[in-house]
Amino acid sequence: QLFLKNPYLFSLFSLLSYIIQSFTMIASTVF
């Protein structure tokens, strides 16, 4: 959110956020 005016940095942190959210699939698969 601190880099909203910089689309590249904003996208980079958004990318990391989405990857972390995807980690729910690891737990879901184990389950």
Full PDB file with SEQRES, HELIX, SHEET, SSBOND, CRYST1, ORIGX, SCALE, CONECT and MASTER records, all heavy atoms in Angstrom:
SEQRES   1 A   31  GLN LEU PHE LEU LYS ASN PRO TYR LEU PHE SER LEU PHE          
SEQRES   2 A   31  SER LEU LEU SER TYR ILE ILE GLN SER PHE THR MET ILE          
SEQRES   3 A   31  ALA SER THR VAL PHE                                          
HELIX    1 AA1 PRO A    7  SER A   22  1                                  16    
HELIX    2 AA2 THR A   24  VAL A   30  1                                   7    
CRYST1    1.000    1.000    1.000  90.00  90.00  90.00 P 1           1          
ORIGX1      1.000000  0.000000  0.000000        0.00000                         
ORIGX2      0.000000  1.000000  0.000000        0.00000                         
ORIGX3      0.000000  0.000000  1.000000        0.00000                         
SCALE1      1.000000  0.000000  0.000000        0.00000                         
SCALE2      0.000000  1.000000  0.000000        0.00000                         
SCALE3      0.000000  0.000000  1.000000        0.00000                         
ATOM      1  N   GLN A   1       0.819  -1.207   0.000  1.00  0.00           N  
ATOM      2  CA  GLN A   1       0.000   0.000   0.000  1.00  0.00           C  
ATOM      3  C   GLN A   1       0.859   1.266   0.000  1.00  0.00           C  
ATOM      4  O   GLN A   1       0.418   2.326  -0.455  1.00  0.00           O  
ATOM      5  CB  GLN A   1      -0.909   0.004   1.237  1.00  0.00           C  
ATOM      6  CG  GLN A   1      -1.946  -1.109   1.276  1.00  0.00           C  
ATOM      7  CD  GLN A   1      -3.087  -0.865   0.310  1.00  0.00           C  
ATOM      8  OE1 GLN A   1      -3.522   0.259   0.118  1.00  0.00           O  
ATOM      9  NE2 GLN A   1      -3.561  -1.935  -0.296  1.00  0.00           N  
ATOM     10  N   LEU A   2       2.073   1.137   0.496  1.00  0.00           N  
ATOM     11  CA  LEU A   2       2.970   2.303   0.542  1.00  0.00           C  
ATOM     12  C   LEU A   2       3.506   2.659  -0.839  1.00  0.00           C  
ATOM     13  O   LEU A   2       4.066   3.742  -1.023  1.00  0.00           O  
ATOM     14  CB  LEU A   2       4.147   2.019   1.491  1.00  0.00           C  
ATOM     15  CG  LEU A   2       3.785   1.667   2.942  1.00  0.00           C  
ATOM     16  CD1 LEU A   2       5.041   1.295   3.724  1.00  0.00           C  
ATOM     17  CD2 LEU A   2       3.064   2.830   3.609  1.00  0.00           C  
ATOM     18  N   PHE A   3       3.354   1.730  -1.786  1.00  0.00           N  
ATOM     19  CA  PHE A   3       3.920   1.945  -3.129  1.00  0.00           C  
ATOM     20  C   PHE A   3       2.844   1.943  -4.203  1.00  0.00           C  
ATOM     21  O   PHE A   3       3.077   1.497  -5.325  1.00  0.00           O  
ATOM     22  CB  PHE A   3       4.949   0.850  -3.429  1.00  0.00           C  
ATOM     23  CG  PHE A   3       6.071   0.765  -2.439  1.00  0.00           C  
ATOM     24  CD1 PHE A   3       6.047  -0.193  -1.430  1.00  0.00           C  
ATOM     25  CD2 PHE A   3       7.137   1.658  -2.489  1.00  0.00           C  
ATOM     26  CE1 PHE A   3       7.071  -0.268  -0.506  1.00  0.00           C  
ATOM     27  CE2 PHE A   3       8.164   1.590  -1.569  1.00  0.00           C  
ATOM     28  CZ  PHE A   3       8.139   0.623  -0.568  1.00  0.00           C  
ATOM     29  N   LEU A   4       1.659   2.445  -3.851  1.00  0.00           N  
ATOM     30  CA  LEU A   4       0.559   2.457  -4.811  1.00  0.00           C  
ATOM     31  C   LEU A   4       0.885   3.271  -6.066  1.00  0.00           C  
ATOM     32  O   LEU A   4       0.391   2.977  -7.154  1.00  0.00           O  
ATOM     33  CB  LEU A   4      -0.703   3.025  -4.150  1.00  0.00           C  
ATOM     34  CG  LEU A   4      -1.501   2.040  -3.289  1.00  0.00           C  
ATOM     35  CD1 LEU A   4      -2.589   2.767  -2.523  1.00  0.00           C  
ATOM     36  CD2 LEU A   4      -2.111   0.945  -4.152  1.00  0.00           C  
ATOM     37  N   LYS A   5       1.717   4.280  -5.922  1.00  0.00           N  
ATOM     38  CA  LYS A   5       2.070   5.119  -7.069  1.00  0.00           C  
ATOM     39  C   LYS A   5       3.149   4.478  -7.948  1.00  0.00           C  
ATOM     40  O   LYS A   5       3.418   4.958  -9.040  1.00  0.00           O  
ATOM     41  CB  LYS A   5       2.535   6.500  -6.598  1.00  0.00           C  
ATOM     42  CG  LYS A   5       1.384   7.423  -6.223  1.00  0.00           C  
ATOM     43  CD  LYS A   5       1.844   8.860  -6.162  1.00  0.00           C  
ATOM     44  CE  LYS A   5       0.659   9.809  -6.081  1.00  0.00           C  
ATOM     45  NZ  LYS A   5       1.058  11.222  -6.142  1.00  0.00           N  
ATOM     46  N   ASN A   6       3.760   3.414  -7.429  1.00  0.00           N  
ATOM     47  CA  ASN A   6       4.767   2.685  -8.207  1.00  0.00           C  
ATOM     48  C   ASN A   6       4.182   1.320  -8.564  1.00  0.00           C  
ATOM     49  O   ASN A   6       4.196   0.412  -7.747  1.00  0.00           O  
ATOM     50  CB  ASN A   6       6.046   2.509  -7.392  1.00  0.00           C  
ATOM     51  CG  ASN A   6       7.184   1.914  -8.215  1.00  0.00           C  
ATOM     52  OD1 ASN A   6       6.967   1.038  -9.037  1.00  0.00           O  
ATOM     53  ND2 ASN A   6       8.393   2.397  -7.976  1.00  0.00           N  
ATOM     54  N   PRO A   7       3.647   1.165  -9.776  1.00  0.00           N  
ATOM     55  CA  PRO A   7       2.938  -0.076 -10.128  1.00  0.00           C  
ATOM     56  C   PRO A   7       3.806  -1.324 -10.037  1.00  0.00           C  
ATOM     57  O   PRO A   7       3.300  -2.419  -9.754  1.00  0.00           O  
ATOM     58  CB  PRO A   7       2.474   0.176 -11.565  1.00  0.00           C  
ATOM     59  CG  PRO A   7       3.368   1.249 -12.083  1.00  0.00           C  
ATOM     60  CD  PRO A   7       3.691   2.111 -10.901  1.00  0.00           C  
ATOM     61  N   TYR A   8       5.105  -1.180 -10.249  1.00  0.00           N  
ATOM     62  CA  TYR A   8       5.984  -2.353 -10.239  1.00  0.00           C  
ATOM     63  C   TYR A   8       6.235  -2.854  -8.822  1.00  0.00           C  
ATOM     64  O   TYR A   8       6.171  -4.059  -8.559  1.00  0.00           O  
ATOM     65  CB  TYR A   8       7.295  -2.014 -10.949  1.00  0.00           C  
ATOM     66  CG  TYR A   8       7.077  -1.562 -12.372  1.00  0.00           C  
ATOM     67  CD1 TYR A   8       7.236  -0.226 -12.735  1.00  0.00           C  
ATOM     68  CD2 TYR A   8       6.672  -2.471 -13.357  1.00  0.00           C  
ATOM     69  CE1 TYR A   8       7.006   0.195 -14.037  1.00  0.00           C  
ATOM     70  CE2 TYR A   8       6.447  -2.062 -14.657  1.00  0.00           C  
ATOM     71  CZ  TYR A   8       6.608  -0.733 -14.995  1.00  0.00           C  
ATOM     72  OH  TYR A   8       6.374  -0.320 -16.271  1.00  0.00           O  
ATOM     73  N   LEU A   9       6.515  -1.940  -7.904  1.00  0.00           N  
ATOM     74  CA  LEU A   9       6.712  -2.343  -6.516  1.00  0.00           C  
ATOM     75  C   LEU A   9       5.400  -2.834  -5.900  1.00  0.00           C  
ATOM     76  O   LEU A   9       5.373  -3.816  -5.154  1.00  0.00           O  
ATOM     77  CB  LEU A   9       7.268  -1.180  -5.694  1.00  0.00           C  
ATOM     78  CG  LEU A   9       8.755  -0.856  -5.877  1.00  0.00           C  
ATOM     79  CD1 LEU A   9       9.141   0.371  -5.066  1.00  0.00           C  
ATOM     80  CD2 LEU A   9       9.610  -2.051  -5.462  1.00  0.00           C  
ATOM     81  N   PHE A  10       4.316  -2.141  -6.225  1.00  0.00           N  
ATOM     82  CA  PHE A  10       3.009  -2.543  -5.725  1.00  0.00           C  
ATOM     83  C   PHE A  10       2.672  -3.955  -6.207  1.00  0.00           C  
ATOM     84  O   PHE A  10       2.193  -4.804  -5.440  1.00  0.00           O  
ATOM     85  CB  PHE A  10       1.945  -1.559  -6.200  1.00  0.00           C  
ATOM     86  CG  PHE A  10       0.550  -1.900  -5.756  1.00  0.00           C  
ATOM     87  CD1 PHE A  10       0.243  -2.073  -4.418  1.00  0.00           C  
ATOM     88  CD2 PHE A  10      -0.472  -2.062  -6.687  1.00  0.00           C  
ATOM     89  CE1 PHE A  10      -1.047  -2.395  -3.998  1.00  0.00           C  
ATOM     90  CE2 PHE A  10      -1.765  -2.374  -6.283  1.00  0.00           C  
ATOM     91  CZ  PHE A  10      -2.043  -2.541  -4.934  1.00  0.00           C  
ATOM     92  N   SER A  11       2.943  -4.253  -7.467  1.00  0.00           N  
ATOM     93  CA  SER A  11       2.686  -5.570  -8.033  1.00  0.00           C  
ATOM     94  C   SER A  11       3.576  -6.626  -7.387  1.00  0.00           C  
ATOM     95  O   SER A  11       3.144  -7.766  -7.165  1.00  0.00           O  
ATOM     96  CB  SER A  11       2.924  -5.559  -9.547  1.00  0.00           C  
ATOM     97  OG  SER A  11       2.007  -4.700 -10.198  1.00  0.00           O  
ATOM     98  N   LEU A  12       4.815  -6.263  -7.078  1.00  0.00           N  
ATOM     99  CA  LEU A  12       5.744  -7.206  -6.457  1.00  0.00           C  
ATOM    100  C   LEU A  12       5.240  -7.669  -5.094  1.00  0.00           C  
ATOM    101  O   LEU A  12       5.229  -8.871  -4.797  1.00  0.00           O  
ATOM    102  CB  LEU A  12       7.122  -6.558  -6.314  1.00  0.00           C  
ATOM    103  CG  LEU A  12       8.206  -7.413  -5.644  1.00  0.00           C  
ATOM    104  CD1 LEU A  12       8.488  -8.654  -6.491  1.00  0.00           C  
ATOM    105  CD2 LEU A  12       9.476  -6.603  -5.434  1.00  0.00           C  
ATOM    106  N   PHE A  13       4.797  -6.725  -4.269  1.00  0.00           N  
ATOM    107  CA  PHE A  13       4.280  -7.087  -2.949  1.00  0.00           C  
ATOM    108  C   PHE A  13       2.937  -7.807  -3.062  1.00  0.00           C  
ATOM    109  O   PHE A  13       2.629  -8.686  -2.254  1.00  0.00           O  
ATOM    110  CB  PHE A  13       4.153  -5.836  -2.078  1.00  0.00           C  
ATOM    111  CG  PHE A  13       5.468  -5.344  -1.534  1.00  0.00           C  
ATOM    112  CD1 PHE A  13       6.100  -4.237  -2.083  1.00  0.00           C  
ATOM    113  CD2 PHE A  13       6.080  -6.003  -0.480  1.00  0.00           C  
ATOM    114  CE1 PHE A  13       7.317  -3.792  -1.590  1.00  0.00           C  
ATOM    115  CE2 PHE A  13       7.295  -5.569   0.023  1.00  0.00           C  
ATOM    116  CZ  PHE A  13       7.911  -4.462  -0.533  1.00  0.00           C  
ATOM    117  N   SER A  14       2.142  -7.445  -4.065  1.00  0.00           N  
ATOM    118  CA  SER A  14       0.875  -8.145  -4.294  1.00  0.00           C  
ATOM    119  C   SER A  14       1.139  -9.590  -4.694  1.00  0.00           C  
ATOM    120  O   SER A  14       0.423 -10.511  -4.272  1.00  0.00           O  
ATOM    121  CB  SER A  14       0.072  -7.445  -5.397  1.00  0.00           C  
ATOM    122  OG  SER A  14      -0.281  -6.135  -5.010  1.00  0.00           O  
ATOM    123  N   LEU A  15       2.172  -9.790  -5.512  1.00  0.00           N  
ATOM    124  CA  LEU A  15       2.555 -11.139  -5.932  1.00  0.00           C  
ATOM    125  C   LEU A  15       2.900 -12.001  -4.724  1.00  0.00           C  
ATOM    126  O   LEU A  15       2.423 -13.134  -4.592  1.00  0.00           O  
ATOM    127  CB  LEU A  15       3.752 -11.062  -6.879  1.00  0.00           C  
ATOM    128  CG  LEU A  15       4.420 -12.386  -7.269  1.00  0.00           C  
ATOM    129  CD1 LEU A  15       3.455 -13.234  -8.089  1.00  0.00           C  
ATOM    130  CD2 LEU A  15       5.704 -12.128  -8.048  1.00  0.00           C  
ATOM    131  N   LEU A  16       3.697 -11.465  -3.829  1.00  0.00           N  
ATOM    132  CA  LEU A  16       4.087 -12.199  -2.626  1.00  0.00           C  
ATOM    133  C   LEU A  16       2.869 -12.514  -1.765  1.00  0.00           C  
ATOM    134  O   LEU A  16       2.749 -13.611  -1.213  1.00  0.00           O  
ATOM    135  CB  LEU A  16       5.102 -11.375  -1.824  1.00  0.00           C  
ATOM    136  CG  LEU A  16       5.657 -12.020  -0.557  1.00  0.00           C  
ATOM    137  CD1 LEU A  16       6.319 -13.354  -0.880  1.00  0.00           C  
ATOM    138  CD2 LEU A  16       6.648 -11.082   0.129  1.00  0.00           C  
ATOM    139  N   SER A  17       1.959 -11.563  -1.674  1.00  0.00           N  
ATOM    140  CA  SER A  17       0.745 -11.762  -0.882  1.00  0.00           C  
ATOM    141  C   SER A  17      -0.103 -12.895  -1.449  1.00  0.00           C  
ATOM    142  O   SER A  17      -0.602 -13.748  -0.702  1.00  0.00           O  
ATOM    143  CB  SER A  17      -0.074 -10.465  -0.842  1.00  0.00           C  
ATOM    144  OG  SER A  17      -1.266 -10.642  -0.120  1.00  0.00           O  
ATOM    145  N   TYR A  18      -0.253 -12.937  -2.770  1.00  0.00           N  
ATOM    146  CA  TYR A  18      -1.056 -13.991  -3.392  1.00  0.00           C  
ATOM    147  C   TYR A  18      -0.406 -15.359  -3.244  1.00  0.00           C  
ATOM    148  O   TYR A  18      -1.088 -16.373  -3.067  1.00  0.00           O  
ATOM    149  CB  TYR A  18      -1.291 -13.678  -4.873  1.00  0.00           C  
ATOM    150  CG  TYR A  18      -2.457 -12.758  -5.108  1.00  0.00           C  
ATOM    151  CD1 TYR A  18      -2.266 -11.406  -5.384  1.00  0.00           C  
ATOM    152  CD2 TYR A  18      -3.766 -13.234  -5.054  1.00  0.00           C  
ATOM    153  CE1 TYR A  18      -3.339 -10.549  -5.596  1.00  0.00           C  
ATOM    154  CE2 TYR A  18      -4.848 -12.398  -5.264  1.00  0.00           C  
ATOM    155  CZ  TYR A  18      -4.630 -11.058  -5.536  1.00  0.00           C  
ATOM    156  OH  TYR A  18      -5.699 -10.220  -5.737  1.00  0.00           O  
ATOM    157  N   ILE A  19       0.918 -15.409  -3.315  1.00  0.00           N  
ATOM    158  CA  ILE A  19       1.614 -16.691  -3.140  1.00  0.00           C  
ATOM    159  C   ILE A  19       1.397 -17.222  -1.727  1.00  0.00           C  
ATOM    160  O   ILE A  19       1.133 -18.411  -1.519  1.00  0.00           O  
ATOM    161  CB  ILE A  19       3.122 -16.535  -3.430  1.00  0.00           C  
ATOM    162  CG1 ILE A  19       3.346 -16.237  -4.913  1.00  0.00           C  
ATOM    163  CG2 ILE A  19       3.885 -17.792  -3.018  1.00  0.00           C  
ATOM    164  CD1 ILE A  19       4.788 -15.950  -5.275  1.00  0.00           C  
ATOM    165  N   ILE A  20       1.476 -16.344  -0.740  1.00  0.00           N  
ATOM    166  CA  ILE A  20       1.257 -16.758   0.650  1.00  0.00           C  
ATOM    167  C   ILE A  20      -0.170 -17.268   0.837  1.00  0.00           C  
ATOM    168  O   ILE A  20      -0.399 -18.284   1.505  1.00  0.00           O  
ATOM    169  CB  ILE A  20       1.539 -15.584   1.612  1.00  0.00           C  
ATOM    170  CG1 ILE A  20       3.031 -15.252   1.602  1.00  0.00           C  
ATOM    171  CG2 ILE A  20       1.084 -15.926   3.032  1.00  0.00           C  
ATOM    172  CD1 ILE A  20       3.398 -14.008   2.384  1.00  0.00           C  
ATOM    173  N   GLN A  21      -1.138 -16.576   0.241  1.00  0.00           N  
ATOM    174  CA  GLN A  21      -2.524 -17.020   0.342  1.00  0.00           C  
ATOM    175  C   GLN A  21      -2.716 -18.405  -0.280  1.00  0.00           C  
ATOM    176  O   GLN A  21      -3.533 -19.206   0.195  1.00  0.00           O  
ATOM    177  CB  GLN A  21      -3.447 -16.023  -0.341  1.00  0.00           C  
ATOM    178  CG  GLN A  21      -3.572 -14.690   0.379  1.00  0.00           C  
ATOM    179  CD  GLN A  21      -4.443 -13.702  -0.374  1.00  0.00           C  
ATOM    180  OE1 GLN A  21      -5.503 -14.065  -0.872  1.00  0.00           O  
ATOM    181  NE2 GLN A  21      -4.004 -12.463  -0.473  1.00  0.00           N  
ATOM    182  N   SER A  22      -1.947 -18.697  -1.323  1.00  0.00           N  
ATOM    183  CA  SER A  22      -2.060 -19.993  -1.990  1.00  0.00           C  
ATOM    184  C   SER A  22      -1.565 -21.135  -1.109  1.00  0.00           C  
ATOM    185  O   SER A  22      -1.859 -22.306  -1.387  1.00  0.00           O  
ATOM    186  CB  SER A  22      -1.262 -19.982  -3.305  1.00  0.00           C  
ATOM    187  OG  SER A  22      -1.775 -19.017  -4.193  1.00  0.00           O  
ATOM    188  N   PHE A  23      -0.811 -20.815  -0.069  1.00  0.00           N  
ATOM    189  CA  PHE A  23      -0.295 -21.858   0.811  1.00  0.00           C  
ATOM    190  C   PHE A  23      -1.419 -22.602   1.539  1.00  0.00           C  
ATOM    191  O   PHE A  23      -1.200 -23.664   2.116  1.00  0.00           O  
ATOM    192  CB  PHE A  23       0.683 -21.264   1.829  1.00  0.00           C  
ATOM    193  CG  PHE A  23       2.061 -21.006   1.261  1.00  0.00           C  
ATOM    194  CD1 PHE A  23       2.326 -21.258  -0.069  1.00  0.00           C  
ATOM    195  CD2 PHE A  23       3.065 -20.522   2.059  1.00  0.00           C  
ATOM    196  CE1 PHE A  23       3.585 -21.022  -0.610  1.00  0.00           C  
ATOM    197  CE2 PHE A  23       4.338 -20.286   1.531  1.00  0.00           C  
ATOM    198  CZ  PHE A  23       4.589 -20.536   0.186  1.00  0.00           C  
ATOM    199  N   THR A  24      -2.631 -22.044   1.519  1.00  0.00           N  
ATOM    200  CA  THR A  24      -3.763 -22.780   2.111  1.00  0.00           C  
ATOM    201  C   THR A  24      -3.982 -24.106   1.379  1.00  0.00           C  
ATOM    202  O   THR A  24      -4.478 -25.066   1.973  1.00  0.00           O  
ATOM    203  CB  THR A  24      -5.062 -21.955   2.039  1.00  0.00           C  
ATOM    204  OG1 THR A  24      -5.324 -21.593   0.667  1.00  0.00           O  
ATOM    205  CG2 THR A  24      -4.949 -20.686   2.878  1.00  0.00           C  
ATOM    206  N   MET A  25      -3.592 -24.156   0.093  1.00  0.00           N  
ATOM    207  CA  MET A  25      -3.766 -25.389  -0.669  1.00  0.00           C  
ATOM    208  C   MET A  25      -2.874 -26.499  -0.125  1.00  0.00           C  
ATOM    209  O   MET A  25      -3.226 -27.684  -0.216  1.00  0.00           O  
ATOM    210  CB  MET A  25      -3.462 -25.128  -2.148  1.00  0.00           C  
ATOM    211  CG  MET A  25      -3.615 -26.344  -3.044  1.00  0.00           C  
ATOM    212  SD  MET A  25      -5.224 -27.194  -2.946  1.00  0.00           S  
ATOM    213  CE  MET A  25      -6.318 -25.926  -3.550  1.00  0.00           C  
ATOM    214  N   ILE A  26      -1.734 -26.155   0.451  1.00  0.00           N  
ATOM    215  CA  ILE A  26      -0.854 -27.175   1.018  1.00  0.00           C  
ATOM    216  C   ILE A  26      -1.540 -27.844   2.195  1.00  0.00           C  
ATOM    217  O   ILE A  26      -1.629 -29.078   2.266  1.00  0.00           O  
ATOM    218  CB  ILE A  26       0.490 -26.545   1.459  1.00  0.00           C  
ATOM    219  CG1 ILE A  26       1.162 -25.847   0.277  1.00  0.00           C  
ATOM    220  CG2 ILE A  26       1.415 -27.611   2.062  1.00  0.00           C  
ATOM    221  CD1 ILE A  26       2.396 -25.052   0.659  1.00  0.00           C  
ATOM    222  N   ALA A  27      -2.059 -27.034   3.114  1.00  0.00           N  
ATOM    223  CA  ALA A  27      -2.770 -27.575   4.272  1.00  0.00           C  
ATOM    224  C   ALA A  27      -4.026 -28.317   3.834  1.00  0.00           C  
ATOM    225  O   ALA A  27      -4.358 -29.377   4.381  1.00  0.00           O  
ATOM    226  CB  ALA A  27      -3.126 -26.454   5.241  1.00  0.00           C  
ATOM    227  N   SER A  28      -4.728 -27.775   2.838  1.00  0.00           N  
ATOM    228  CA  SER A  28      -5.954 -28.411   2.361  1.00  0.00           C  
ATOM    229  C   SER A  28      -5.675 -29.781   1.744  1.00  0.00           C  
ATOM    230  O   SER A  28      -6.468 -30.713   1.893  1.00  0.00           O  
ATOM    231  CB  SER A  28      -6.650 -27.518   1.324  1.00  0.00           C  
ATOM    232  OG  SER A  28      -7.116 -26.323   1.923  1.00  0.00           O  
ATOM    233  N   THR A  29      -4.542 -29.902   1.046  1.00  0.00           N  
ATOM    234  CA  THR A  29      -4.199 -31.183   0.438  1.00  0.00           C  
ATOM    235  C   THR A  29      -3.825 -32.216   1.494  1.00  0.00           C  
ATOM    236  O   THR A  29      -4.223 -33.381   1.408  1.00  0.00           O  
ATOM    237  CB  THR A  29      -3.039 -31.013  -0.566  1.00  0.00           C  
ATOM    238  OG1 THR A  29      -3.383 -30.014  -1.528  1.00  0.00           O  
ATOM    239  CG2 THR A  29      -2.765 -32.326  -1.288  1.00  0.00           C  
ATOM    240  N   VAL A  30      -3.061 -31.801   2.491  1.00  0.00           N  
ATOM    241  CA  VAL A  30      -2.745 -32.690   3.608  1.00  0.00           C  
ATOM    242  C   VAL A  30      -4.044 -33.158   4.268  1.00  0.00           C  
ATOM    243  O   VAL A  30      -4.228 -34.348   4.563  1.00  0.00           O  
ATOM    244  CB  VAL A  30      -1.848 -31.977   4.649  1.00  0.00           C  
ATOM    245  CG1 VAL A  30      -1.651 -32.858   5.886  1.00  0.00           C  
ATOM    246  CG2 VAL A  30      -0.500 -31.619   4.043  1.00  0.00           C  
ATOM    247  N   PHE A  31      -4.942 -32.227   4.489  1.00  0.00           N  
ATOM    248  CA  PHE A  31      -6.237 -32.510   5.108  1.00  0.00           C  
ATOM    249  C   PHE A  31      -7.047 -33.469   4.243  1.00  0.00           C  
ATOM    250  O   PHE A  31      -7.636 -34.447   4.732  1.00  0.00           O  
ATOM    251  CB  PHE A  31      -6.976 -31.190   5.317  1.00  0.00           C  
ATOM    252  CG  PHE A  31      -8.224 -31.283   6.138  1.00  0.00           C  
ATOM    253  CD1 PHE A  31      -8.373 -32.228   7.148  1.00  0.00           C  
ATOM    254  CD2 PHE A  31      -9.274 -30.396   5.914  1.00  0.00           C  
ATOM    255  CE1 PHE A  31      -9.534 -32.302   7.904  1.00  0.00           C  
ATOM    256  CE2 PHE A  31     -10.437 -30.462   6.666  1.00  0.00           C  
ATOM    257  CZ  PHE A  31     -10.567 -31.419   7.660  1.00  0.00           C  
TER     258      PHE A  31                                                      
MASTER        0    0    0    2    0    0    0    6  257    1    0    3          
END                                                                             
